Amino acid sequence: EHDHPNALEFLRNDIVNVTDFFEKKEVCTMSYHELFNFVADLNITESNMQEYLDKAQAVAAYREEQGGQTASDQVEEEVFKRIFIPRTLDQVRNVERDLFRADEDTRAALAYQTVTG
């Protein structure tokens, strides 16, 4: 139920549990953030889902070929597991600051971008 106040927290916990399960089985997986974006992105539809998954699989496979997640990737995963993800822009304290930081650093993906647009 997407209207539940803790829906995004439940989703994130499920993503962590499912991803960790498959990683233990040595299955190539998306990162927590990548999978969260896949599930939460309203722009992904039946018509473009396979294309999105093909690209995600290629990214995950490349990451595995390079030896798995880097130390930086692991830190980002741990941060993603703990950060607050707002459901609406009203819950963001300083949207302009976040957008400015994301523009300056192309690696800085806003955790809530997929949810809030």
Protein backbone atom coordinates (compact mmCIF):
# COMPACT_ATOMS: atom_id res chain seq x y z
CA GLU A 1 0.00 0.00 0.00
CA HIS A 2 1.75 3.16 -1.20
CA ASP A 3 -0.32 5.39 1.09
CA HIS A 4 1.10 3.89 4.26
CA PRO A 5 3.39 6.39 6.01
CA ASN A 6 6.18 3.81 6.17
CA ALA A 7 5.68 2.36 2.68
CA LEU A 8 9.06 3.51 1.38
CA GLU A 9 10.80 2.19 4.48
CA PHE A 10 9.11 -1.19 4.02
CA LEU A 11 10.09 -1.18 0.35
CA ARG A 12 13.69 -0.38 1.16
CA ASN A 13 13.85 -3.17 3.77
CA ASP A 14 12.39 -5.64 1.27
CA ILE A 15 14.91 -4.56 -1.36
CA VAL A 16 17.82 -5.05 1.04
CA ASN A 17 16.56 -8.49 2.11
CA VAL A 18 15.88 -9.72 -1.43
CA THR A 19 19.17 -8.39 -2.79
CA ASP A 20 21.17 -9.86 0.09
CA PHE A 21 19.44 -13.24 -0.39
CA PHE A 22 20.36 -13.42 -4.06
CA GLU A 23 23.89 -12.15 -3.48
CA LYS A 24 24.43 -15.02 -1.03
CA LYS A 25 23.36 -17.35 -3.85
CA GLU A 26 26.01 -15.63 -6.02
CA VAL A 27 23.44 -14.14 -8.38
CA CYS A 28 24.35 -10.88 -10.09
CA THR A 29 22.07 -8.18 -8.64
CA MET A 30 21.30 -4.51 -8.97
CA SER A 31 22.44 -2.24 -6.17
CA TYR A 32 19.86 -1.33 -3.53
CA HIS A 33 19.44 2.11 -5.03
CA GLU A 34 19.16 0.79 -8.60
CA LEU A 35 16.48 -1.70 -7.58
CA PHE A 36 14.64 0.93 -5.54
CA ASN A 37 14.58 3.22 -8.58
CA PHE A 38 13.31 0.38 -10.76
CA VAL A 39 10.44 -0.37 -8.41
CA ALA A 40 9.52 3.23 -7.61
CA ASP A 41 9.97 4.88 -11.03
CA LEU A 42 6.56 5.62 -12.52
CA ASN A 43 8.18 6.25 -15.90
CA ILE A 44 8.96 2.54 -16.28
CA THR A 45 6.05 0.93 -18.06
CA GLU A 46 5.29 -2.39 -19.72
CA SER A 47 6.58 -0.97 -23.00
CA ASN A 48 10.03 0.04 -21.73
CA MET A 49 10.54 -2.36 -18.83
CA GLN A 50 12.59 -4.94 -20.74
CA GLU A 51 14.90 -2.27 -22.14
CA TYR A 52 15.43 -0.89 -18.62
CA LEU A 53 16.13 -4.37 -17.22
CA ASP A 54 18.57 -5.16 -20.04
CA LYS A 55 20.55 -2.01 -19.24
CA ALA A 56 20.44 -2.73 -15.49
CA GLN A 57 21.65 -6.27 -16.10
CA ALA A 58 24.54 -4.98 -18.22
CA VAL A 59 25.54 -2.53 -15.45
CA ALA A 60 25.38 -5.25 -12.79
CA ALA A 61 27.33 -7.70 -14.96
CA TYR A 62 30.03 -5.10 -15.65
CA ARG A 63 30.28 -4.35 -11.93
CA GLU A 64 30.79 -8.08 -11.26
CA GLU A 65 33.42 -8.34 -14.01
CA GLN A 66 35.31 -5.52 -12.33
CA GLY A 67 35.40 -7.43 -9.05
CA GLY A 68 32.11 -6.38 -7.48
CA GLN A 69 31.30 -3.24 -5.61
CA THR A 70 34.09 -0.83 -4.82
CA ALA A 71 34.57 0.48 -1.29
CA SER A 72 32.85 3.68 -2.40
CA ASP A 73 29.89 1.70 -3.77
CA GLN A 74 29.59 -0.17 -0.48
CA VAL A 75 29.55 3.10 1.46
CA GLU A 76 26.84 4.46 -0.84
CA GLU A 77 24.79 1.29 -0.26
CA GLU A 78 25.07 1.66 3.51
CA VAL A 79 24.11 5.32 3.30
CA PHE A 80 21.10 4.46 1.13
CA LYS A 81 19.96 1.92 3.72
CA ARG A 82 19.86 4.63 6.39
CA ILE A 83 18.84 7.89 4.77
CA PHE A 84 15.39 9.39 5.05
CA ILE A 85 13.48 9.14 1.79
CA PRO A 86 10.70 11.74 1.66
CA ARG A 87 7.39 10.79 0.05
CA THR A 88 6.69 14.35 -1.12
CA LEU A 89 8.72 17.50 -1.71
CA ASP A 90 6.98 19.01 1.33
CA GLN A 91 9.12 16.68 3.44
CA VAL A 92 12.37 17.99 1.93
CA ARG A 93 13.95 20.75 3.97
CA ASN A 94 15.99 22.42 1.25
CA VAL A 95 15.16 21.28 -2.27
CA GLU A 96 17.24 23.99 -3.92
CA ARG A 97 20.37 23.01 -1.99
CA ASP A 98 19.92 19.34 -2.91
CA LEU A 99 19.42 20.16 -6.58
CA PHE A 100 22.48 22.43 -6.59
CA ARG A 101 24.62 19.68 -5.01
CA ALA A 102 23.33 17.10 -7.50
CA ASP A 103 24.15 19.45 -10.41
CA GLU A 104 27.70 19.99 -9.15
CA ASP A 105 28.41 16.28 -8.64
CA THR A 106 27.12 14.08 -11.45
CA ARG A 107 27.45 11.03 -9.17
CA ALA A 108 25.18 12.56 -6.56
CA ALA A 109 21.82 11.00 -7.24
CA LEU A 110 19.05 12.28 -5.07
CA ALA A 111 17.66 9.32 -3.15
CA TYR A 112 14.18 10.76 -3.42
CA GLN A 113 14.31 11.85 -7.08
CA THR A 114 12.44 8.80 -8.37
CA VAL A 115 9.72 9.12 -5.73
CA THR A 116 9.12 12.86 -5.95
CA GLY A 117 9.94 13.43 -9.62
